[in-house]
Amino acid sequence: MSKRISAKYKIDRRMGENIWGRPKSPVNRRDYGPGQHGQNRRGKLSDFGLQLRAKQKLKGHYGNITEKQFRGIYAEASRLKGDTSENLVGLLEQRLDAVIYRAKFVPTVFAARQFVNHGHVMVNGRRCNIPSARLKPGDEVQIRDKSRNIALVLEAVQSPERDTPDYLNVDHNKMSASIIRVPQLADVPYPVQMEPNLVVEYYSRN
């Protein structure tokens, strides 16, 4: 198990927010930071502190993507036409692991990454084990036949915890999904407020 998965709820505690909306999040019980001095750390953040926090929260929501990967996604978002913050969200939502998570084939984005890594997913009829693979509108994702009865998948599909967003076409009978359109910030069902504009400000000054 990777350190990112084993320490996933530390991100919630550090942010003081339930960034995935999970019932098991420790923030539901203790809304202060981890560690001996967690209850005493909450002061007013500087502009830089707010920007850093926004970056860590967005990065954490997608399974705590590495800084190198996340900076690369930002760099691409800044090269595209239009609003960089909207482009950033769109690129993140086009990741294969994000689509698997949003389609409710697995319960968490960490599980989505592992699920893809283990070869349970096909894209346009071909097996794909790269969680960061970018999908385009119209690309079809399918869970492999032999993987459809895994308990993790069956429980996630039946869970009332999340709804599938309307920018995805999801068929749980066929265990398939596709992106209808690249979403904007307002379309994405984040359980907490995300501020990609502050992420853009963070990287603009670094």
N, C-alpha and C. Protein backbone atom coordinates (compact mmCIF):
# COMPACT_ATOMS: atom_id res chain seq x y z
N MET A 1 0.85 -1.21 0.00
CA MET A 1 0.00 0.00 0.00
C MET A 1 0.89 1.25 0.00
N SER A 2 0.57 2.21 -0.85
CA SER A 2 1.39 3.41 -0.91
C SER A 2 1.14 4.29 0.30
N LYS A 3 2.13 5.13 0.60
CA LYS A 3 2.00 6.04 1.73
C LYS A 3 0.85 7.01 1.50
N ARG A 4 0.57 7.34 0.22
CA ARG A 4 -0.51 8.28 -0.07
C ARG A 4 -1.86 7.72 0.34
N ILE A 5 -2.03 6.39 0.16
CA ILE A 5 -3.30 5.78 0.53
C ILE A 5 -3.40 5.62 2.04
N SER A 6 -2.32 5.14 2.68
CA SER A 6 -2.39 4.88 4.11
C SER A 6 -2.58 6.16 4.91
N ALA A 7 -2.16 7.30 4.37
CA ALA A 7 -2.26 8.56 5.11
C ALA A 7 -3.33 9.49 4.56
N LYS A 8 -4.29 8.92 3.80
CA LYS A 8 -5.23 9.79 3.09
C LYS A 8 -6.03 10.69 4.01
N TYR A 9 -6.44 10.20 5.17
CA TYR A 9 -7.27 11.02 6.04
C TYR A 9 -6.47 12.10 6.76
N LYS A 10 -5.14 11.98 6.75
CA LYS A 10 -4.32 13.06 7.30
C LYS A 10 -4.50 14.34 6.48
N ILE A 11 -4.80 14.16 5.20
CA ILE A 11 -5.04 15.33 4.34
C ILE A 11 -6.28 16.06 4.83
N ASP A 12 -7.34 15.31 5.12
CA ASP A 12 -8.56 15.90 5.67
C ASP A 12 -8.25 16.66 6.96
N ARG A 13 -7.52 16.02 7.84
CA ARG A 13 -7.22 16.64 9.14
C ARG A 13 -6.40 17.91 8.94
N ARG A 14 -5.44 17.84 8.03
CA ARG A 14 -4.57 19.01 7.79
C ARG A 14 -5.37 20.17 7.23
N MET A 15 -6.30 19.85 6.32
CA MET A 15 -7.13 20.90 5.72
C MET A 15 -8.25 21.36 6.66
N GLY A 16 -8.61 20.47 7.60
CA GLY A 16 -9.74 20.78 8.48
C GLY A 16 -11.08 20.67 7.75
N GLU A 17 -11.07 19.95 6.62
CA GLU A 17 -12.28 19.78 5.82
C GLU A 17 -12.36 18.35 5.31
N ASN A 18 -13.57 17.87 5.12
CA ASN A 18 -13.81 16.54 4.59
C ASN A 18 -13.80 16.64 3.07
N ILE A 19 -12.61 16.60 2.46
CA ILE A 19 -12.49 16.97 1.05
C ILE A 19 -13.07 15.94 0.07
N TRP A 20 -13.39 14.74 0.56
CA TRP A 20 -14.06 13.76 -0.31
C TRP A 20 -15.50 13.52 0.12
N GLY A 21 -15.94 14.14 1.22
CA GLY A 21 -17.31 13.94 1.69
C GLY A 21 -17.55 12.55 2.25
N ARG A 22 -16.52 11.89 2.75
CA ARG A 22 -16.65 10.52 3.24
C ARG A 22 -17.15 10.47 4.68
N PRO A 23 -18.07 9.55 4.99
CA PRO A 23 -18.59 9.45 6.37
C PRO A 23 -17.52 9.10 7.39
N LYS A 24 -16.45 8.38 6.96
CA LYS A 24 -15.41 7.95 7.90
C LYS A 24 -14.35 9.00 8.16
N SER A 25 -14.44 10.15 7.51
CA SER A 25 -13.41 11.16 7.69
C SER A 25 -13.30 11.58 9.16
N PRO A 26 -12.06 11.66 9.69
CA PRO A 26 -11.89 12.08 11.09
C PRO A 26 -12.35 13.51 11.34
N VAL A 27 -12.46 14.31 10.29
CA VAL A 27 -12.92 15.69 10.45
C VAL A 27 -14.36 15.73 10.94
N ASN A 28 -15.11 14.67 10.64
CA ASN A 28 -16.48 14.61 11.13
C ASN A 28 -16.54 14.56 12.65
N ARG A 29 -15.42 14.10 13.25
CA ARG A 29 -15.36 14.03 14.71
C ARG A 29 -14.49 15.14 15.31
N ARG A 30 -13.38 15.43 14.60
CA ARG A 30 -12.43 16.42 15.12
C ARG A 30 -12.03 17.35 13.98
N ASP A 31 -12.49 18.58 14.02
CA ASP A 31 -12.24 19.49 12.90
C ASP A 31 -10.99 20.34 13.12
N TYR A 32 -9.97 19.75 13.75
CA TYR A 32 -8.70 20.45 13.91
C TYR A 32 -7.58 19.60 13.33
N GLY A 33 -6.42 20.20 13.17
CA GLY A 33 -5.30 19.54 12.51
C GLY A 33 -4.73 18.39 13.31
N PRO A 34 -3.92 17.54 12.63
CA PRO A 34 -3.31 16.40 13.31
C PRO A 34 -2.16 16.84 14.21
N GLY A 35 -1.76 15.97 15.11
CA GLY A 35 -0.58 16.24 15.93
C GLY A 35 -0.89 16.90 17.25
N GLN A 36 0.16 17.01 18.06
CA GLN A 36 0.05 17.51 19.43
C GLN A 36 -0.54 18.92 19.50
N HIS A 37 -0.19 19.75 18.51
CA HIS A 37 -0.61 21.15 18.55
C HIS A 37 -1.71 21.47 17.53
N GLY A 38 -2.38 20.42 17.06
CA GLY A 38 -3.39 20.61 16.01
C GLY A 38 -4.47 21.60 16.35
N GLN A 39 -4.87 21.64 17.62
CA GLN A 39 -5.97 22.53 18.01
C GLN A 39 -5.53 23.98 18.11
N ASN A 40 -4.22 24.20 18.12
CA ASN A 40 -3.72 25.57 18.32
C ASN A 40 -3.18 26.21 17.05
N ARG A 41 -3.30 25.51 15.91
CA ARG A 41 -2.65 25.98 14.69
C ARG A 41 -3.50 26.94 13.86
N ARG A 42 -4.75 27.05 14.14
CA ARG A 42 -5.63 27.79 13.26
C ARG A 42 -5.52 29.30 13.46
N GLY A 43 -4.64 29.91 12.72
CA GLY A 43 -4.55 31.36 12.74
C GLY A 43 -4.99 31.89 11.38
N LYS A 44 -4.95 33.20 11.23
CA LYS A 44 -5.32 33.78 9.94
C LYS A 44 -4.20 33.54 8.95
N LEU A 45 -4.56 33.03 7.79
CA LEU A 45 -3.56 32.72 6.78
C LEU A 45 -3.25 33.94 5.92
N SER A 46 -1.99 34.03 5.50
CA SER A 46 -1.59 35.08 4.55
C SER A 46 -2.14 34.73 3.18
N ASP A 47 -2.01 35.65 2.21
CA ASP A 47 -2.45 35.36 0.84
C ASP A 47 -1.74 34.12 0.31
N PHE A 48 -0.43 34.05 0.57
CA PHE A 48 0.34 32.89 0.12
C PHE A 48 -0.16 31.63 0.80
N GLY A 49 -0.47 31.72 2.09
CA GLY A 49 -0.98 30.57 2.83
C GLY A 49 -2.30 30.07 2.27
N LEU A 50 -3.17 31.00 1.89
CA LEU A 50 -4.46 30.64 1.30
C LEU A 50 -4.26 29.96 -0.06
N GLN A 51 -3.32 30.49 -0.84
CA GLN A 51 -3.03 29.90 -2.15
C GLN A 51 -2.45 28.49 -2.00
N LEU A 52 -1.53 28.34 -1.06
CA LEU A 52 -0.92 27.02 -0.82
C LEU A 52 -1.97 26.02 -0.36
N ARG A 53 -2.83 26.47 0.54
CA ARG A 53 -3.89 25.60 1.05
C ARG A 53 -4.83 25.17 -0.07
N ALA A 54 -5.19 26.10 -0.96
CA ALA A 54 -6.07 25.77 -2.09
C ALA A 54 -5.42 24.74 -2.99
N LYS A 55 -4.11 24.88 -3.20
CA LYS A 55 -3.39 23.92 -4.05
C LYS A 55 -3.36 22.55 -3.39
N GLN A 56 -3.05 22.50 -2.09
CA GLN A 56 -2.97 21.22 -1.39
C GLN A 56 -4.33 20.52 -1.34
N LYS A 57 -5.38 21.32 -1.22
CA LYS A 57 -6.73 20.75 -1.15
C LYS A 57 -7.14 20.14 -2.50
N LEU A 58 -6.90 20.89 -3.58
CA LEU A 58 -7.27 20.39 -4.91
C LEU A 58 -6.42 19.19 -5.28
N LYS A 59 -5.14 19.28 -5.03
CA LYS A 59 -4.21 18.18 -5.31
C LYS A 59 -4.58 16.94 -4.49
N GLY A 60 -4.95 17.17 -3.23
CA GLY A 60 -5.33 16.07 -2.35
C GLY A 60 -6.60 15.38 -2.80
N HIS A 61 -7.56 16.17 -3.30
CA HIS A 61 -8.85 15.60 -3.71
C HIS A 61 -8.67 14.55 -4.80
N TYR A 62 -7.69 14.73 -5.66
CA TYR A 62 -7.45 13.80 -6.75
C TYR A 62 -6.44 12.72 -6.37
N GLY A 63 -6.43 12.35 -5.09
CA GLY A 63 -5.57 11.26 -4.64
C GLY A 63 -4.18 11.71 -4.29
N ASN A 64 -4.05 13.00 -3.93
CA ASN A 64 -2.74 13.55 -3.57
C ASN A 64 -1.72 13.33 -4.69
N ILE A 65 -2.06 13.81 -5.86
CA ILE A 65 -1.17 13.75 -7.02
C ILE A 65 0.19 14.34 -6.64
N THR A 66 1.26 13.78 -7.19
CA THR A 66 2.59 14.30 -6.86
C THR A 66 2.71 15.76 -7.34
N GLU A 67 3.58 16.50 -6.69
CA GLU A 67 3.76 17.91 -7.05
C GLU A 67 4.23 18.06 -8.50
N LYS A 68 5.11 17.16 -8.93
CA LYS A 68 5.61 17.23 -10.31
C LYS A 68 4.47 17.05 -11.31
N GLN A 69 3.61 16.07 -11.05
CA GLN A 69 2.46 15.83 -11.94
C GLN A 69 1.50 17.02 -11.93
N PHE A 70 1.22 17.50 -10.74
CA PHE A 70 0.25 18.58 -10.61
C PHE A 70 0.75 19.85 -11.27
N ARG A 71 2.02 20.16 -11.09
CA ARG A 71 2.59 21.34 -11.74
C ARG A 71 2.54 21.20 -13.26
N GLY A 72 2.76 19.98 -13.74
CA GLY A 72 2.68 19.73 -15.18
C GLY A 72 1.27 19.96 -15.72
N ILE A 73 0.26 19.53 -14.95
CA ILE A 73 -1.13 19.74 -15.36
C ILE A 73 -1.45 21.23 -15.38
N TYR A 74 -0.95 21.95 -14.36
CA TYR A 74 -1.16 23.41 -14.34
C TYR A 74 -0.50 24.06 -15.56
N ALA A 75 0.73 23.64 -15.87
CA ALA A 75 1.45 24.24 -17.00
C ALA A 75 0.66 24.03 -18.30
N GLU A 76 0.08 22.85 -18.47
CA GLU A 76 -0.72 22.60 -19.66
C GLU A 76 -1.99 23.45 -19.66
N ALA A 77 -2.62 23.56 -18.48
CA ALA A 77 -3.85 24.38 -18.37
C ALA A 77 -3.57 25.82 -18.75
N SER A 78 -2.38 26.32 -18.39
CA SER A 78 -2.04 27.72 -18.67
C SER A 78 -1.76 27.95 -20.15
N ARG A 79 -1.43 26.88 -20.88
CA ARG A 79 -1.16 27.02 -22.32
C ARG A 79 -2.43 26.96 -23.15
N LEU A 80 -3.48 26.37 -22.59
CA LEU A 80 -4.74 26.26 -23.33
C LEU A 80 -5.47 27.60 -23.39
N LYS A 81 -6.31 27.75 -24.39
CA LYS A 81 -7.12 28.97 -24.48
C LYS A 81 -8.14 28.99 -23.35
N GLY A 82 -8.52 30.19 -22.94
CA GLY A 82 -9.57 30.32 -21.93
C GLY A 82 -9.02 30.51 -20.53
N ASP A 83 -9.89 30.35 -19.56
CA ASP A 83 -9.57 30.57 -18.16
C ASP A 83 -8.71 29.42 -17.63
N THR A 84 -7.53 29.75 -17.12
CA THR A 84 -6.60 28.72 -16.67
C THR A 84 -7.18 27.88 -15.54
N SER A 85 -7.91 28.52 -14.62
CA SER A 85 -8.46 27.76 -13.49
C SER A 85 -9.51 26.76 -13.95
N GLU A 86 -10.32 27.15 -14.93
CA GLU A 86 -11.31 26.23 -15.48
C GLU A 86 -10.62 25.11 -16.27
N ASN A 87 -9.59 25.47 -17.01
CA ASN A 87 -8.83 24.47 -17.76
C ASN A 87 -8.21 23.44 -16.82
N LEU A 88 -7.71 23.92 -15.67
CA LEU A 88 -7.09 23.03 -14.69
C LEU A 88 -8.09 21.99 -14.18
N VAL A 89 -9.26 22.44 -13.82
CA VAL A 89 -10.31 21.52 -13.35
C VAL A 89 -10.68 20.52 -14.45
N GLY A 90 -10.83 21.02 -15.68
CA GLY A 90 -11.18 20.15 -16.80
C GLY A 90 -10.16 19.06 -17.02
N LEU A 91 -8.88 19.42 -16.98
CA LEU A 91 -7.81 18.43 -17.18
C LEU A 91 -7.79 17.39 -16.06
N LEU A 92 -8.00 17.83 -14.84
CA LEU A 92 -8.03 16.90 -13.70
C LEU A 92 -9.18 15.91 -13.83
N GLU A 93 -10.33 16.40 -14.27
CA GLU A 93 -11.51 15.55 -14.41
C GLU A 93 -11.42 14.60 -15.60
N GLN A 94 -10.49 14.86 -16.51
CA GLN A 94 -10.31 13.97 -17.67
C GLN A 94 -9.34 12.82 -17.38
N ARG A 95 -8.74 12.83 -16.19
CA ARG A 95 -7.87 11.71 -15.82
C ARG A 95 -8.71 10.43 -15.71
N LEU A 96 -8.13 9.32 -16.12
CA LEU A 96 -8.85 8.06 -16.08
C LEU A 96 -9.27 7.70 -14.65
N ASP A 97 -8.38 7.88 -13.67
CA ASP A 97 -8.76 7.53 -12.30
C ASP A 97 -9.89 8.42 -11.78
N ALA A 98 -9.92 9.68 -12.21
CA ALA A 98 -11.01 10.58 -11.80
C ALA A 98 -12.34 10.13 -12.39
N VAL A 99 -12.33 9.70 -13.66
CA VAL A 99 -13.56 9.24 -14.30
C VAL A 99 -14.07 7.96 -13.63
N ILE A 100 -13.16 7.04 -13.32
CA ILE A 100 -13.55 5.80 -12.63
C ILE A 100 -14.19 6.12 -11.28
N TYR A 101 -13.63 7.10 -10.58
CA TYR A 101 -14.17 7.52 -9.28
C TYR A 101 -15.52 8.21 -9.44
N ARG A 102 -15.62 9.18 -10.35
CA ARG A 102 -16.88 9.92 -10.55
C ARG A 102 -18.00 9.00 -11.03
N ALA A 103 -17.64 7.97 -11.80
CA ALA A 103 -18.65 7.04 -12.33
C ALA A 103 -19.14 6.06 -11.27
N LYS A 104 -18.57 6.13 -10.07
CA LYS A 104 -18.97 5.28 -8.94
C LYS A 104 -18.65 3.81 -9.17
N PHE A 105 -17.55 3.53 -9.87
CA PHE A 105 -17.13 2.14 -10.01
C PHE A 105 -16.32 1.71 -8.79
N VAL A 106 -15.81 2.69 -8.05
CA VAL A 106 -15.04 2.43 -6.83
C VAL A 106 -15.42 3.50 -5.80
N PRO A 107 -15.15 3.26 -4.49
CA PRO A 107 -15.59 4.21 -3.48
C PRO A 107 -14.72 5.44 -3.30
N THR A 108 -13.44 5.35 -3.63
CA THR A 108 -12.54 6.49 -3.41
C THR A 108 -11.63 6.69 -4.61
N VAL A 109 -11.05 7.88 -4.70
CA VAL A 109 -10.12 8.16 -5.80
C VAL A 109 -8.83 7.36 -5.62
N PHE A 110 -8.47 7.03 -4.38
CA PHE A 110 -7.30 6.19 -4.13
C PHE A 110 -7.55 4.78 -4.65
N ALA A 111 -8.77 4.29 -4.41
CA ALA A 111 -9.15 2.97 -4.92
C ALA A 111 -9.17 2.98 -6.44
N ALA A 112 -9.58 4.10 -7.04
CA ALA A 112 -9.62 4.21 -8.50
C ALA A 112 -8.22 4.06 -9.09
N ARG A 113 -7.25 4.71 -8.46
CA ARG A 113 -5.87 4.62 -8.97
C ARG A 113 -5.38 3.17 -8.90
N GLN A 114 -5.63 2.52 -7.78
CA GLN A 114 -5.19 1.13 -7.61
C GLN A 114 -5.94 0.20 -8.58
N PHE A 115 -7.21 0.45 -8.76
CA PHE A 115 -8.06 -0.36 -9.65
C PHE A 115 -7.53 -0.29 -11.09
N VAL A 116 -7.18 0.90 -11.53
CA VAL A 116 -6.62 1.06 -12.88
C VAL A 116 -5.24 0.40 -12.96
N ASN A 117 -4.41 0.62 -11.95
CA ASN A 117 -3.07 0.03 -11.93
C ASN A 117 -3.11 -1.49 -12.06
N HIS A 118 -4.13 -2.11 -11.48
CA HIS A 118 -4.23 -3.57 -11.48
C HIS A 118 -4.86 -4.13 -12.76
N GLY A 119 -5.12 -3.26 -13.73
CA GLY A 119 -5.54 -3.73 -15.04
C GLY A 119 -7.00 -4.11 -15.17
N HIS A 120 -7.87 -3.52 -14.34
CA HIS A 120 -9.29 -3.86 -14.39
C HIS A 120 -10.09 -3.01 -15.39
N VAL A 121 -9.42 -2.06 -16.06
CA VAL A 121 -10.14 -1.08 -16.88
C VAL A 121 -9.72 -1.13 -18.34
N MET A 122 -10.69 -0.94 -19.22
CA MET A 122 -10.42 -0.83 -20.64
C MET A 122 -10.88 0.53 -21.15
N VAL A 123 -10.13 1.11 -22.06
CA VAL A 123 -10.48 2.37 -22.70
C VAL A 123 -10.56 2.13 -24.20
N ASN A 124 -11.74 2.37 -24.74
CA ASN A 124 -11.98 2.13 -26.18
C ASN A 124 -11.58 0.71 -26.58
N GLY A 125 -11.92 -0.25 -25.71
CA GLY A 125 -11.69 -1.66 -26.02
C GLY A 125 -10.30 -2.18 -25.72
N ARG A 126 -9.41 -1.30 -25.23
CA ARG A 126 -8.05 -1.74 -24.93
C ARG A 126 -7.76 -1.56 -23.44
N ARG A 127 -7.07 -2.52 -22.89
CA ARG A 127 -6.72 -2.46 -21.48
C ARG A 127 -5.81 -1.26 -21.22
N CYS A 128 -6.08 -0.53 -20.16
CA CYS A 128 -5.26 0.64 -19.81
C CYS A 128 -4.99 0.61 -18.31
N ASN A 129 -3.73 0.65 -17.93
CA ASN A 129 -3.37 0.61 -16.50
C ASN A 129 -2.64 1.87 -16.05
N ILE A 130 -2.94 2.98 -16.73
CA ILE A 130 -2.29 4.26 -16.41
C ILE A 130 -3.34 5.20 -15.82
N PRO A 131 -3.33 5.41 -14.49
CA PRO A 131 -4.36 6.25 -13.85
C PRO A 131 -4.43 7.67 -14.39
N SER A 132 -3.28 8.20 -14.82
CA SER A 132 -3.24 9.59 -15.29
C SER A 132 -3.59 9.74 -16.76
N ALA A 133 -3.92 8.63 -17.44
CA ALA A 133 -4.28 8.70 -18.86
C ALA A 133 -5.43 9.69 -19.04
N ARG A 134 -5.32 10.53 -20.06
CA ARG A 134 -6.33 11.57 -20.26
C ARG A 134 -7.37 11.12 -21.27
N LEU A 135 -8.62 11.22 -20.89
CA LEU A 135 -9.72 10.85 -21.76
C LEU A 135 -10.27 12.07 -22.49
N LYS A 136 -10.82 11.83 -23.67
CA LYS A 136 -11.47 12.88 -24.44
C LYS A 136 -12.97 12.60 -24.45
N PRO A 137 -13.79 13.61 -24.69
CA PRO A 137 -15.22 13.35 -24.86
C PRO A 137 -15.45 12.30 -25.93
N GLY A 138 -16.25 11.30 -25.60
CA GLY A 138 -16.52 10.22 -26.54
C GLY A 138 -15.73 8.95 -26.26
N ASP A 139 -14.60 9.06 -25.56
CA ASP A 139 -13.84 7.86 -25.21
C ASP A 139 -14.69 7.00 -24.26
N GLU A 140 -14.69 5.69 -24.49
CA GLU A 140 -15.49 4.80 -23.65
C GLU A 140 -14.61 4.03 -22.68
N VAL A 141 -14.97 4.08 -21.42
CA VAL A 141 -14.29 3.35 -20.36
C VAL A 141 -15.19 2.17 -19.98
N GLN A 142 -14.60 0.99 -19.85
CA GLN A 142 -15.36 -0.18 -19.42
C GLN A 142 -14.58 -0.95 -18.37
N ILE A 143 -15.32 -1.51 -17.40
CA ILE A 143 -14.71 -2.41 -16.45
C ILE A 143 -14.62 -3.78 -17.12
N ARG A 144 -13.48 -4.42 -17.03
CA ARG A 144 -13.30 -5.72 -17.68
C ARG A 144 -14.30 -6.74 -17.12
N ASP A 145 -14.73 -7.65 -17.97
CA ASP A 145 -15.75 -8.64 -17.59
C ASP A 145 -15.40 -9.35 -16.28
N LYS A 146 -14.17 -9.79 -16.17
CA LYS A 146 -13.79 -10.60 -15.01
C LYS A 146 -13.68 -9.76 -13.73
N SER A 147 -13.74 -8.43 -13.88
CA SER A 147 -13.58 -7.55 -12.72
C SER A 147 -14.91 -6.99 -12.21
N ARG A 148 -15.99 -7.29 -12.91
CA ARG A 148 -17.27 -6.63 -12.61
C ARG A 148 -17.95 -7.11 -11.33
N ASN A 149 -17.55 -8.27 -10.84
CA ASN A 149 -18.17 -8.80 -9.63
C ASN A 149 -17.28 -8.66 -8.40
N ILE A 150 -16.24 -7.87 -8.51
CA ILE A 150 -15.41 -7.59 -7.35
C ILE A 150 -16.27 -6.83 -6.32
N ALA A 151 -16.17 -7.24 -5.07
CA ALA A 151 -17.02 -6.67 -4.01
C ALA A 151 -16.90 -5.16 -3.95
N LEU A 152 -15.69 -4.65 -4.12
CA LEU A 152 -15.45 -3.19 -4.07
C LEU A 152 -16.31 -2.47 -5.11
N VAL A 153 -16.40 -3.03 -6.31
CA VAL A 153 -17.17 -2.43 -7.40
C VAL A 153 -18.66 -2.51 -7.12
N LEU A 154 -19.13 -3.67 -6.71
CA LEU A 154 -20.56 -3.85 -6.46
C LEU A 154 -21.05 -2.94 -5.33
N GLU A 155 -20.24 -2.80 -4.30
CA GLU A 155 -20.61 -1.93 -3.18
C GLU A 155 -20.64 -0.46 -3.61
N ALA A 156 -19.66 -0.05 -4.42
CA ALA A 156 -19.58 1.35 -4.86
C ALA A 156 -20.76 1.71 -5.75
N VAL A 157 -21.10 0.82 -6.68
CA VAL A 157 -22.20 1.08 -7.61
C VAL A 157 -23.53 1.24 -6.87
N GLN A 158 -23.71 0.45 -5.82
CA GLN A 158 -24.97 0.47 -5.08
C GLN A 158 -25.01 1.52 -3.97
N SER A 159 -23.89 2.14 -3.70
CA SER A 159 -23.82 3.11 -2.59
C SER A 159 -24.62 4.38 -2.90
N PRO A 160 -25.40 4.86 -1.93
CA PRO A 160 -26.14 6.11 -2.12
C PRO A 160 -25.31 7.35 -1.75
N GLU A 161 -24.04 7.10 -1.43
CA GLU A 161 -23.18 8.18 -0.91
C GLU A 161 -22.94 9.30 -1.92
N ARG A 162 -22.83 8.94 -3.20
CA ARG A 162 -22.54 9.94 -4.24
C ARG A 162 -23.45 9.74 -5.43
N ASP A 163 -23.69 10.80 -6.19
CA ASP A 163 -24.38 10.72 -7.48
C ASP A 163 -23.35 10.89 -8.59
N THR A 164 -23.66 10.37 -9.77
CA THR A 164 -22.76 10.58 -10.91
C THR A 164 -23.06 11.93 -11.54
N PRO A 165 -22.04 12.69 -11.92
CA PRO A 165 -22.27 14.02 -12.51
C PRO A 165 -22.82 13.94 -13.93
N ASP A 166 -23.49 15.01 -14.36
CA ASP A 166 -24.17 14.95 -15.65
C ASP A 166 -23.25 15.15 -16.85
N TYR A 167 -21.97 15.39 -16.62
CA TYR A 167 -21.04 15.47 -17.76
C TYR A 167 -20.47 14.10 -18.11
N LEU A 168 -20.91 13.07 -17.37
CA LEU A 168 -20.54 11.70 -17.69
C LEU A 168 -21.78 10.92 -18.11
N ASN A 169 -21.61 10.03 -19.07
CA ASN A 169 -22.67 9.09 -19.44
C ASN A 169 -22.28 7.75 -18.83
N VAL A 170 -22.98 7.36 -17.77
CA VAL A 170 -22.62 6.16 -17.01
C VAL A 170 -23.72 5.11 -17.13
N ASP A 171 -23.32 3.88 -17.44
CA ASP A 171 -24.25 2.76 -17.50
C ASP A 171 -23.73 1.67 -16.57
N HIS A 172 -24.32 1.56 -15.39
CA HIS A 172 -23.84 0.57 -14.42
C HIS A 172 -24.21 -0.85 -14.80
N ASN A 173 -25.19 -1.03 -15.68
CA ASN A 173 -25.52 -2.37 -16.16
C ASN A 173 -24.42 -2.90 -17.08
N LYS A 174 -23.93 -2.01 -17.94
CA LYS A 174 -22.85 -2.40 -18.86
C LYS A 174 -21.47 -2.12 -18.27
N MET A 175 -21.46 -1.51 -17.07
CA MET A 175 -20.20 -1.12 -16.41
C MET A 175 -19.34 -0.29 -17.35
N SER A 176 -19.98 0.73 -17.92
CA SER A 176 -19.26 1.59 -18.86
C SER A 176 -19.54 3.05 -18.55
N ALA A 177 -18.63 3.92 -19.02
CA ALA A 177 -18.80 5.36 -18.83
C ALA A 177 -18.04 6.09 -19.91
N SER A 178 -18.51 7.29 -20.21
CA SER A 178 -17.79 8.15 -21.15
C SER A 178 -18.02 9.60 -20.76
N ILE A 179 -17.08 10.45 -21.17
CA ILE A 179 -17.21 11.88 -20.91
C ILE A 179 -18.05 12.49 -22.02
N ILE A 180 -19.13 13.16 -21.64
CA ILE A 180 -19.98 13.84 -22.63
C ILE A 180 -19.34 15.16 -23.02
N ARG A 181 -18.85 15.88 -22.02
CA ARG A 181 -18.20 17.17 -22.24
C ARG A 181 -17.21 17.41 -21.11
N VAL A 182 -16.23 18.23 -21.39
CA VAL A 182 -15.25 18.58 -20.35
C VAL A 182 -15.93 19.53 -19.36
N PRO A 183 -15.94 19.19 -18.08
CA PRO A 183 -16.68 20.01 -17.12
C PRO A 183 -15.96 21.28 -16.73
N GLN A 184 -16.74 22.22 -16.21
CA GLN A 184 -16.19 23.41 -15.60
C GLN A 184 -16.32 23.27 -14.09
N LEU A 185 -15.74 24.19 -13.36
CA LEU A 185 -15.73 24.12 -11.90
C LEU A 185 -17.13 23.92 -11.32
N ALA A 186 -18.10 24.67 -11.81
CA ALA A 186 -19.45 24.61 -11.27
C ALA A 186 -20.13 23.27 -11.51
N ASP A 187 -19.62 22.48 -12.47
CA ASP A 187 -20.23 21.19 -12.79
C ASP A 187 -19.75 20.06 -11.87
N VAL A 188 -18.58 20.24 -11.28
CA VAL A 188 -17.93 19.14 -10.55
C VAL A 188 -18.49 19.04 -9.13
N PRO A 189 -18.90 17.85 -8.72
CA PRO A 189 -19.52 17.69 -7.39
C PRO A 189 -18.51 17.61 -6.26
N TYR A 190 -17.73 18.67 -6.10
CA TYR A 190 -16.80 18.71 -4.97
C TYR A 190 -17.61 18.83 -3.68
N PRO A 191 -17.30 18.06 -2.65
CA PRO A 191 -18.03 18.18 -1.39
C PRO A 191 -17.64 19.42 -0.57
N VAL A 192 -16.53 20.03 -0.94
CA VAL A 192 -16.10 21.27 -0.28
C VAL A 192 -15.77 22.30 -1.37
N GLN A 193 -15.66 23.55 -0.98
CA GLN A 193 -15.36 24.59 -1.97
C GLN A 193 -13.92 24.48 -2.45
N MET A 194 -13.75 24.37 -3.74
CA MET A 194 -12.41 24.38 -4.34
C MET A 194 -12.18 25.75 -4.97
N GLU A 195 -10.94 26.20 -4.91
CA GLU A 195 -10.59 27.53 -5.41
C GLU A 195 -9.40 27.45 -6.38
N PRO A 196 -9.64 26.90 -7.57
CA PRO A 196 -8.54 26.76 -8.53
C PRO A 196 -7.93 28.10 -8.94
N ASN A 197 -8.71 29.20 -8.79
CA ASN A 197 -8.16 30.52 -9.10
C ASN A 197 -6.98 30.84 -8.17
N LEU A 198 -7.05 30.39 -6.91
CA LEU A 198 -5.95 30.60 -5.97
C LEU A 198 -4.76 29.71 -6.31
N VAL A 199 -5.04 28.54 -6.90
CA VAL A 199 -3.97 27.65 -7.34
C VAL A 199 -3.19 28.33 -8.48
N VAL A 200 -3.92 28.97 -9.37
CA VAL A 200 -3.29 29.70 -10.48
C VAL A 200 -2.42 30.83 -9.91
N GLU A 201 -2.94 31.55 -8.92
CA GLU A 201 -2.16 32.62 -8.29
C GLU A 201 -0.91 32.07 -7.64
N TYR A 202 -1.03 30.88 -7.01
CA TYR A 202 0.13 30.26 -6.34
C TYR A 202 1.24 29.99 -7.34
N TYR A 203 0.90 29.33 -8.45
CA TYR A 203 1.93 28.99 -9.43
C TYR A 203 2.42 30.22 -10.20
N SER A 204 1.60 31.23 -10.31
CA SER A 204 2.00 32.44 -11.03
C SER A 204 3.12 33.18 -10.30
N ARG A 205 3.19 32.99 -8.98
CA ARG A 205 4.19 33.70 -8.20
C ARG A 205 5.41 32.84 -7.89
N ASN A 206 5.37 31.59 -8.34
CA ASN A 206 6.49 30.68 -8.06
C ASN A 206 7.21 30.27 -9.33
